[in-house]
Protein backbone atom coordinates (compact mmCIF):
# COMPACT_ATOMS: atom_id res chain seq x y z
CA MET A 1 6.08 -66.67 9.57
CA SER A 2 2.55 -66.61 10.88
CA ALA A 3 -0.01 -63.96 10.02
CA GLN A 4 0.25 -62.48 13.49
CA GLU A 5 4.03 -62.06 13.21
CA SER A 6 3.76 -60.25 9.88
CA TRP A 7 1.93 -57.35 11.60
CA ALA A 8 4.45 -57.11 14.43
CA ILE A 9 6.96 -54.27 14.51
CA ARG A 10 10.35 -55.70 13.72
CA PRO A 11 13.75 -54.10 14.28
CA SER A 12 15.58 -52.88 11.21
CA ARG A 13 17.50 -55.44 9.23
CA THR A 14 20.83 -53.66 9.53
CA GLY A 15 20.49 -52.81 13.21
CA ASN A 16 22.55 -49.64 12.68
CA ASN A 17 20.57 -46.36 12.81
CA ASP A 18 23.44 -44.04 13.78
CA GLY A 19 22.99 -41.87 10.68
CA VAL A 20 19.30 -41.39 11.33
CA SER A 21 19.90 -40.63 15.01
CA THR A 22 22.53 -38.04 14.13
CA ALA A 23 20.26 -36.40 11.56
CA VAL A 24 17.38 -36.21 14.03
CA PHE A 25 19.71 -34.73 16.66
CA VAL A 26 21.07 -32.11 14.26
CA ILE A 27 17.58 -31.12 13.08
CA ALA A 28 16.37 -30.87 16.69
CA MET A 29 19.35 -28.72 17.71
CA ILE A 30 18.93 -26.36 14.75
CA SER A 31 15.23 -26.06 15.50
CA ALA A 32 15.90 -25.32 19.18
CA LEU A 33 18.55 -22.71 18.38
CA LEU A 34 16.37 -20.96 15.81
CA THR A 35 13.45 -20.90 18.25
CA ALA A 36 15.64 -19.45 21.04
CA ALA A 37 17.06 -16.80 18.68
CA PHE A 38 13.57 -15.84 17.55
CA VAL A 39 12.30 -15.50 21.13
CA LEU A 40 15.31 -13.36 22.10
CA TRP A 41 14.72 -11.18 19.04
CA LEU A 42 11.08 -10.74 20.09
CA PHE A 43 12.19 -9.59 23.56
CA VAL A 44 14.57 -7.02 22.05
CA TRP A 45 11.91 -5.82 19.61
CA ALA A 46 9.34 -5.45 22.39
CA ALA A 47 11.78 -3.53 24.59
CA ARG A 48 12.58 -1.11 21.77
CA LYS A 49 8.89 -0.56 21.01
CA ASP A 50 8.21 0.02 24.70
CA GLY A 51 11.00 2.60 24.80
CA GLU A 52 9.58 4.39 21.78
CA PHE A 53 6.13 4.46 23.37
CA ASP A 54 7.57 5.73 26.67
CA ARG A 55 9.44 8.59 24.93
CA GLU A 56 6.29 9.49 22.99
CA VAL A 57 4.17 9.63 26.15
CA HIS A 58 6.74 11.76 27.97
CA SER A 59 7.05 14.16 25.04
CA ARG A 60 3.26 14.57 24.91
CA LEU A 61 3.13 15.24 28.64
CA ARG A 62 6.16 17.53 28.39
CA ARG A 63 7.86 15.78 31.23
CA ARG A 64 11.32 14.45 31.54
CA PRO A 65 11.52 10.74 32.25
CA ARG A 66 12.70 9.74 35.71
CA ARG A 67 16.04 8.02 35.85
């Protein structure tokens, strides 16, 4: 093996990376699901806070909210 070949990227010796591929896929899916759940939770939280603020403003103005 020449010096130039020793620095080259070589394929794995076994040639079977199914376990690694599956682990990467599972980690990516869990990460995506947790991110989506967190974003949805933020939307719900923001909507509830907005509702609280709206009720507070209407109570200070002594008006009934339009429906």
